[in-house]
Amino acid sequence: ATANDDEELLAILEETPMPGAIRLLYTRRPSPWLSFRREGQDVEILVCRDKKKNCIVSLGVYAIKEMYINQEVRRVAYLFGLRSLQKYRLKFPLREGYEFLKDQLLKQQVEFIYTSIVEKNVPTVKLFSKKRLGLPSYQNLFSYSTLCLNQSKVLKASQKKNNIRQATIYDIEDVYQFIQENGKQWNGFPNI
């Protein structure tokens, strides 16, 4: 994809909100192309076109990163943004798409591919969990949670037990060293 494809990318991204009690619409306005490019240093936005109508019908994005896997730095690709126009969902050449992706990533010496799926998105979980001939095998490695904390309450409670202060420019080396030493213990931690 290129920046000229923004309008078609938005049409795909905004066609179907996530179902549920609260319907969420994930978008990347004003420019999906720019937004996706900010996900990493080495990002590719792949599209599938209907040749007869000359329009984008599906998209997928990957970002290549260096991460710790078993305390070793490995080249991995984060696969995300997989979307198709509703009327093409059952027509998308999934096997060919993954074969193309595999070829691209092998050329770039990627060892692992990972993705994340919202746990309650049952149709997608089922789609990727089912073993299919010619498609990659998906394995659920772990769950992660995003927490929202009331900063003022956390700081007040923590300050009673610890000496907490805002970091300054002079703390960069110590913070970097702390992150490097502790982060590599966790699979998926980025190599900074």
C-alpha atoms as a PDB file:
ATOM      1  CA  ALA A   1       0.000   0.000   0.000  1.00  0.00           C
ATOM      2  CA  THR A   2       0.984   3.609  -0.419  1.00  0.00           C
ATOM      3  CA  ALA A   3      -0.226   6.893   1.062  1.00  0.00           C
ATOM      4  CA  ASN A   4      -2.484   7.194  -2.000  1.00  0.00           C
ATOM      5  CA  ASP A   5      -4.481   4.201  -0.696  1.00  0.00           C
ATOM      6  CA  ASP A   6      -5.674   5.936   2.500  1.00  0.00           C
ATOM      7  CA  GLU A   7      -9.309   6.279   1.411  1.00  0.00           C
ATOM      8  CA  GLU A   8      -9.637   2.588   0.513  1.00  0.00           C
ATOM      9  CA  LEU A   9      -7.806   1.492   3.684  1.00  0.00           C
ATOM     10  CA  LEU A  10     -10.182   3.584   5.806  1.00  0.00           C
ATOM     11  CA  ALA A  11     -13.199   2.045   4.063  1.00  0.00           C
ATOM     12  CA  ILE A  12     -12.011  -1.420   5.072  1.00  0.00           C
ATOM     13  CA  LEU A  13     -11.047  -0.439   8.625  1.00  0.00           C
ATOM     14  CA  GLU A  14     -14.313   1.369   9.317  1.00  0.00           C
ATOM     15  CA  GLU A  15     -16.744  -0.978   7.606  1.00  0.00           C
ATOM     16  CA  THR A  16     -17.407  -3.244  10.579  1.00  0.00           C
ATOM     17  CA  PRO A  17     -17.138  -2.296  14.249  1.00  0.00           C
ATOM     18  CA  MET A  18     -16.328  -4.993  16.813  1.00  0.00           C
ATOM     19  CA  PRO A  19     -19.617  -6.484  18.078  1.00  0.00           C
ATOM     20  CA  GLY A  20     -20.568  -6.559  21.743  1.00  0.00           C
ATOM     21  CA  ALA A  21     -22.402  -4.615  24.434  1.00  0.00           C
ATOM     22  CA  ILE A  22     -20.228  -1.653  23.512  1.00  0.00           C
ATOM     23  CA  ARG A  23     -19.440  -1.501  19.821  1.00  0.00           C
ATOM     24  CA  LEU A  24     -15.888  -0.388  19.091  1.00  0.00           C
ATOM     25  CA  LEU A  25     -14.652   0.953  15.802  1.00  0.00           C
ATOM     26  CA  TYR A  26     -10.898   0.760  15.371  1.00  0.00           C
ATOM     27  CA  THR A  27      -9.757   3.338  12.858  1.00  0.00           C
ATOM     28  CA  ARG A  28      -6.537   5.082  11.982  1.00  0.00           C
ATOM     29  CA  ARG A  29      -7.625   8.552  10.931  1.00  0.00           C
ATOM     30  CA  PRO A  30      -6.636  10.752   9.312  1.00  0.00           C
ATOM     31  CA  SER A  31      -4.098   8.556   7.476  1.00  0.00           C
ATOM     32  CA  PRO A  32      -4.046   4.780   7.991  1.00  0.00           C
ATOM     33  CA  TRP A  33      -0.885   4.546   5.915  1.00  0.00           C
ATOM     34  CA  LEU A  34       1.006   6.951   8.217  1.00  0.00           C
ATOM     35  CA  SER A  35      -0.529   5.445  11.343  1.00  0.00           C
ATOM     36  CA  PHE A  36       0.529   1.909  10.421  1.00  0.00           C
ATOM     37  CA  ARG A  37       4.035   3.126   9.480  1.00  0.00           C
ATOM     38  CA  ARG A  38       4.496   4.444  13.039  1.00  0.00           C
ATOM     39  CA  GLU A  39       4.198   0.922  14.503  1.00  0.00           C
ATOM     40  CA  GLY A  40       7.893   0.240  13.962  1.00  0.00           C
ATOM     41  CA  GLN A  41      10.974   0.984  11.907  1.00  0.00           C
ATOM     42  CA  ASP A  42      10.407  -1.753   9.337  1.00  0.00           C
ATOM     43  CA  VAL A  43       6.676  -1.829   8.498  1.00  0.00           C
ATOM     44  CA  GLU A  44       4.925  -3.224   5.434  1.00  0.00           C
ATOM     45  CA  ILE A  45       1.252  -2.736   4.597  1.00  0.00           C
ATOM     46  CA  LEU A  46       0.096  -5.564   2.350  1.00  0.00           C
ATOM     47  CA  VAL A  47      -3.108  -5.346   0.326  1.00  0.00           C
ATOM     48  CA  CYS A  48      -5.162  -7.693  -1.806  1.00  0.00           C
ATOM     49  CA  ARG A  49      -6.911  -6.138  -4.818  1.00  0.00           C
ATOM     50  CA  ASP A  50      -9.924  -7.218  -6.786  1.00  0.00           C
ATOM     51  CA  LYS A  51      -8.354  -7.050 -10.258  1.00  0.00           C
ATOM     52  CA  LYS A  52     -11.691  -6.680 -12.054  1.00  0.00           C
ATOM     53  CA  LYS A  53     -12.841  -3.714  -9.928  1.00  0.00           C
ATOM     54  CA  ASN A  54      -9.315  -2.413  -9.238  1.00  0.00           C
ATOM     55  CA  CYS A  55     -10.024  -1.871  -5.553  1.00  0.00           C
ATOM     56  CA  ILE A  56      -8.399  -2.982  -2.296  1.00  0.00           C
ATOM     57  CA  VAL A  57     -10.484  -5.681  -0.618  1.00  0.00           C
ATOM     58  CA  SER A  58      -8.188  -6.850   2.201  1.00  0.00           C
ATOM     59  CA  LEU A  59      -5.195  -5.628   4.123  1.00  0.00           C
ATOM     60  CA  GLY A  60      -2.648  -6.847   6.627  1.00  0.00           C
ATOM     61  CA  VAL A  61       0.337  -5.184   8.228  1.00  0.00           C
ATOM     62  CA  TYR A  62       3.553  -6.441   9.738  1.00  0.00           C
ATOM     63  CA  ALA A  63       6.232  -4.665  11.729  1.00  0.00           C
ATOM     64  CA  ILE A  64       9.633  -6.289  12.153  1.00  0.00           C
ATOM     65  CA  LYS A  65      11.190  -5.809  15.574  1.00  0.00           C
ATOM     66  CA  GLU A  66      13.940  -7.251  17.718  1.00  0.00           C
ATOM     67  CA  MET A  67      12.585  -8.874  20.865  1.00  0.00           C
ATOM     68  CA  TYR A  68      13.750 -11.156  23.602  1.00  0.00           C
ATOM     69  CA  ILE A  69      12.711 -14.787  23.229  1.00  0.00           C
ATOM     70  CA  ASN A  70      14.109 -17.072  25.928  1.00  0.00           C
ATOM     71  CA  GLN A  71      16.478 -14.233  26.931  1.00  0.00           C
ATOM     72  CA  GLU A  72      17.977 -14.007  23.427  1.00  0.00           C
ATOM     73  CA  VAL A  73      17.419 -11.199  20.943  1.00  0.00           C
ATOM     74  CA  ARG A  74      15.468 -12.512  17.941  1.00  0.00           C
ATOM     75  CA  ARG A  75      14.031 -10.922  14.814  1.00  0.00           C
ATOM     76  CA  VAL A  76      10.252 -11.178  14.962  1.00  0.00           C
ATOM     77  CA  ALA A  77       7.315  -9.812  12.991  1.00  0.00           C
ATOM     78  CA  TYR A  78       4.175  -8.474  14.591  1.00  0.00           C
ATOM     79  CA  LEU A  79       1.243  -9.237  12.290  1.00  0.00           C
ATOM     80  CA  PHE A  80      -1.771  -6.978  12.781  1.00  0.00           C
ATOM     81  CA  GLY A  81      -4.507  -4.983  11.085  1.00  0.00           C
ATOM     82  CA  LEU A  82      -5.913  -8.005   9.252  1.00  0.00           C
ATOM     83  CA  ARG A  83      -9.155  -6.818   7.671  1.00  0.00           C
ATOM     84  CA  SER A  84     -11.317  -7.539   4.633  1.00  0.00           C
ATOM     85  CA  LEU A  85     -14.371  -5.930   3.151  1.00  0.00           C
ATOM     86  CA  GLN A  86     -17.408  -7.884   4.362  1.00  0.00           C
ATOM     87  CA  LYS A  87     -18.434  -9.138   0.919  1.00  0.00           C
ATOM     88  CA  TYR A  88     -14.919 -10.544   0.285  1.00  0.00           C
ATOM     89  CA  ARG A  89     -14.351 -12.281   3.621  1.00  0.00           C
ATOM     90  CA  LEU A  90     -15.081 -15.779   2.376  1.00  0.00           C
ATOM     91  CA  LYS A  91     -13.441 -15.102  -1.002  1.00  0.00           C
ATOM     92  CA  PHE A  92     -10.040 -13.905   0.251  1.00  0.00           C
ATOM     93  CA  PRO A  93      -7.222 -16.214  -0.916  1.00  0.00           C
ATOM     94  CA  LEU A  94      -5.939 -16.807   2.634  1.00  0.00           C
ATOM     95  CA  ARG A  95      -3.462 -19.541   1.729  1.00  0.00           C
ATOM     96  CA  GLU A  96      -1.880 -17.458  -1.039  1.00  0.00           C
ATOM     97  CA  GLY A  97      -1.766 -14.415   1.236  1.00  0.00           C
ATOM     98  CA  TYR A  98       0.110 -16.331   3.925  1.00  0.00           C
ATOM     99  CA  GLU A  99       2.468 -17.850   1.368  1.00  0.00           C
ATOM    100  CA  PHE A 100       3.325 -14.343   0.126  1.00  0.00           C
ATOM    101  CA  LEU A 101       3.800 -13.152   3.730  1.00  0.00           C
ATOM    102  CA  LYS A 102       6.036 -16.128   4.521  1.00  0.00           C
ATOM    103  CA  ASP A 103       8.244 -15.408   1.491  1.00  0.00           C
ATOM    104  CA  GLN A 104       8.547 -11.730   2.468  1.00  0.00           C
ATOM    105  CA  LEU A 105       9.511 -12.517   6.056  1.00  0.00           C
ATOM    106  CA  LEU A 106      11.998 -15.256   5.164  1.00  0.00           C
ATOM    107  CA  LYS A 107      13.844 -12.768   2.931  1.00  0.00           C
ATOM    108  CA  GLN A 108      14.116 -10.489   5.975  1.00  0.00           C
ATOM    109  CA  GLN A 109      15.374 -13.304   8.252  1.00  0.00           C
ATOM    110  CA  VAL A 110      12.379 -13.193  10.598  1.00  0.00           C
ATOM    111  CA  GLU A 111      12.327 -16.144  12.996  1.00  0.00           C
ATOM    112  CA  PHE A 112       8.906 -15.731  14.615  1.00  0.00           C
ATOM    113  CA  ILE A 113       5.578 -14.100  13.795  1.00  0.00           C
ATOM    114  CA  TYR A 114       3.181 -13.060  16.520  1.00  0.00           C
ATOM    115  CA  THR A 115      -0.201 -11.433  16.641  1.00  0.00           C
ATOM    116  CA  SER A 116      -2.735 -10.466  19.264  1.00  0.00           C
ATOM    117  CA  ILE A 117      -6.442 -11.176  19.240  1.00  0.00           C
ATOM    118  CA  VAL A 118      -8.997  -9.734  21.646  1.00  0.00           C
ATOM    119  CA  GLU A 119     -10.031 -12.688  23.796  1.00  0.00           C
ATOM    120  CA  LYS A 120     -13.754 -12.106  23.323  1.00  0.00           C
ATOM    121  CA  ASN A 121     -13.445 -11.945  19.534  1.00  0.00           C
ATOM    122  CA  VAL A 122     -14.527 -15.591  19.353  1.00  0.00           C
ATOM    123  CA  PRO A 123     -14.973 -15.826  15.549  1.00  0.00           C
ATOM    124  CA  THR A 124     -11.393 -14.636  14.961  1.00  0.00           C
ATOM    125  CA  VAL A 125      -9.990 -16.876  17.697  1.00  0.00           C
ATOM    126  CA  LYS A 126     -11.773 -19.858  16.098  1.00  0.00           C
ATOM    127  CA  LEU A 127     -10.630 -18.877  12.605  1.00  0.00           C
ATOM    128  CA  PHE A 128      -6.949 -18.785  13.567  1.00  0.00           C
ATOM    129  CA  SER A 129      -7.001 -21.656  16.079  1.00  0.00           C
ATOM    130  CA  LYS A 130      -8.312 -24.192  13.585  1.00  0.00           C
ATOM    131  CA  LYS A 131      -5.554 -26.069  11.773  1.00  0.00           C
ATOM    132  CA  ARG A 132      -5.848 -25.624   8.017  1.00  0.00           C
ATOM    133  CA  LEU A 133      -3.775 -27.077   5.235  1.00  0.00           C
ATOM    134  CA  GLY A 134      -1.241 -24.560   3.945  1.00  0.00           C
ATOM    135  CA  LEU A 135      -1.816 -22.054   6.761  1.00  0.00           C
ATOM    136  CA  PRO A 136       0.435 -21.335   9.724  1.00  0.00           C
ATOM    137  CA  SER A 137      -0.229 -23.015  13.040  1.00  0.00           C
ATOM    138  CA  TYR A 138      -1.373 -20.525  15.660  1.00  0.00           C
ATOM    139  CA  GLN A 139      -0.603 -21.183  19.301  1.00  0.00           C
ATOM    140  CA  ASN A 140      -1.957 -19.259  22.263  1.00  0.00           C
ATOM    141  CA  LEU A 141       1.230 -18.343  24.130  1.00  0.00           C
ATOM    142  CA  PHE A 142      -0.092 -16.048  26.822  1.00  0.00           C
ATOM    143  CA  SER A 143      -2.660 -13.445  27.757  1.00  0.00           C
ATOM    144  CA  TYR A 144      -1.892  -9.876  28.620  1.00  0.00           C
ATOM    145  CA  SER A 145      -3.912  -7.166  30.237  1.00  0.00           C
ATOM    146  CA  THR A 146      -3.866  -3.428  29.953  1.00  0.00           C
ATOM    147  CA  LEU A 147      -4.506  -1.757  33.283  1.00  0.00           C
ATOM    148  CA  CYS A 148      -5.794   1.717  33.953  1.00  0.00           C
ATOM    149  CA  LEU A 149      -4.641   3.179  37.236  1.00  0.00           C
ATOM    150  CA  ASN A 150      -5.501   6.334  39.089  1.00  0.00           C
ATOM    151  CA  GLN A 151      -2.044   7.905  39.058  1.00  0.00           C
ATOM    152  CA  SER A 152      -2.511  10.100  42.119  1.00  0.00           C
ATOM    153  CA  LYS A 153      -3.702   7.185  44.305  1.00  0.00           C
ATOM    154  CA  VAL A 154      -0.879   4.917  43.113  1.00  0.00           C
ATOM    155  CA  LEU A 155       1.733   7.602  43.768  1.00  0.00           C
ATOM    156  CA  LYS A 156       0.433   8.377  47.268  1.00  0.00           C
ATOM    157  CA  ALA A 157       0.391   4.692  48.246  1.00  0.00           C
ATOM    158  CA  SER A 158       3.828   4.034  46.716  1.00  0.00           C
ATOM    159  CA  GLN A 159       5.476   7.093  48.245  1.00  0.00           C
ATOM    160  CA  LYS A 160       4.745   5.768  51.724  1.00  0.00           C
ATOM    161  CA  LYS A 161       6.873   2.676  50.995  1.00  0.00           C
ATOM    162  CA  ASN A 162       9.381   3.958  48.446  1.00  0.00           C
ATOM    163  CA  ASN A 163      11.233   7.067  47.410  1.00  0.00           C
ATOM    164  CA  ILE A 164       9.392   7.945  44.211  1.00  0.00           C
ATOM    165  CA  ARG A 165      10.137  10.962  42.055  1.00  0.00           C
ATOM    166  CA  GLN A 166       9.876  11.966  38.435  1.00  0.00           C
ATOM    167  CA  ALA A 167      12.833  10.816  36.353  1.00  0.00           C
ATOM    168  CA  THR A 168      15.136  13.437  34.873  1.00  0.00           C
ATOM    169  CA  ILE A 169      17.543  13.521  31.945  1.00  0.00           C
ATOM    170  CA  TYR A 170      20.304  12.441  34.364  1.00  0.00           C
ATOM    171  CA  ASP A 171      18.482   9.159  35.060  1.00  0.00           C
ATOM    172  CA  ILE A 172      18.505   7.918  31.460  1.00  0.00           C
ATOM    173  CA  GLU A 173      21.477   5.559  31.833  1.00  0.00           C
ATOM    174  CA  ASP A 174      20.111   3.991  35.033  1.00  0.00           C
ATOM    175  CA  VAL A 175      16.619   3.611  33.567  1.00  0.00           C
ATOM    176  CA  TYR A 176      18.031   2.098  30.366  1.00  0.00           C
ATOM    177  CA  GLN A 177      20.187  -0.358  32.334  1.00  0.00           C
ATOM    178  CA  PHE A 178      17.236  -1.331  34.556  1.00  0.00           C
ATOM    179  CA  ILE A 179      15.017  -1.953  31.525  1.00  0.00           C
ATOM    180  CA  GLN A 180      17.667  -3.997  29.710  1.00  0.00           C
ATOM    181  CA  GLU A 181      18.477  -6.157  32.731  1.00  0.00           C
ATOM    182  CA  ASN A 182      14.891  -6.820  33.749  1.00  0.00           C
ATOM    183  CA  GLY A 183      13.085  -6.744  30.424  1.00  0.00           C
ATOM    184  CA  LYS A 184      15.002  -9.550  28.759  1.00  0.00           C
ATOM    185  CA  GLN A 185      13.567 -11.978  31.300  1.00  0.00           C
ATOM    186  CA  TRP A 186      10.192 -11.666  29.548  1.00  0.00           C
ATOM    187  CA  ASN A 187       9.423 -13.188  26.151  1.00  0.00           C
ATOM    188  CA  GLY A 188       8.279 -10.490  23.768  1.00  0.00           C
ATOM    189  CA  PHE A 189      10.135  -7.678  25.496  1.00  0.00           C
ATOM    190  CA  PRO A 190      11.597  -5.292  22.899  1.00  0.00           C
ATOM    191  CA  ASN A 191      15.334  -4.967  22.485  1.00  0.00           C
ATOM    192  CA  ILE A 192      15.830  -1.273  23.117  1.00  0.00           C
END
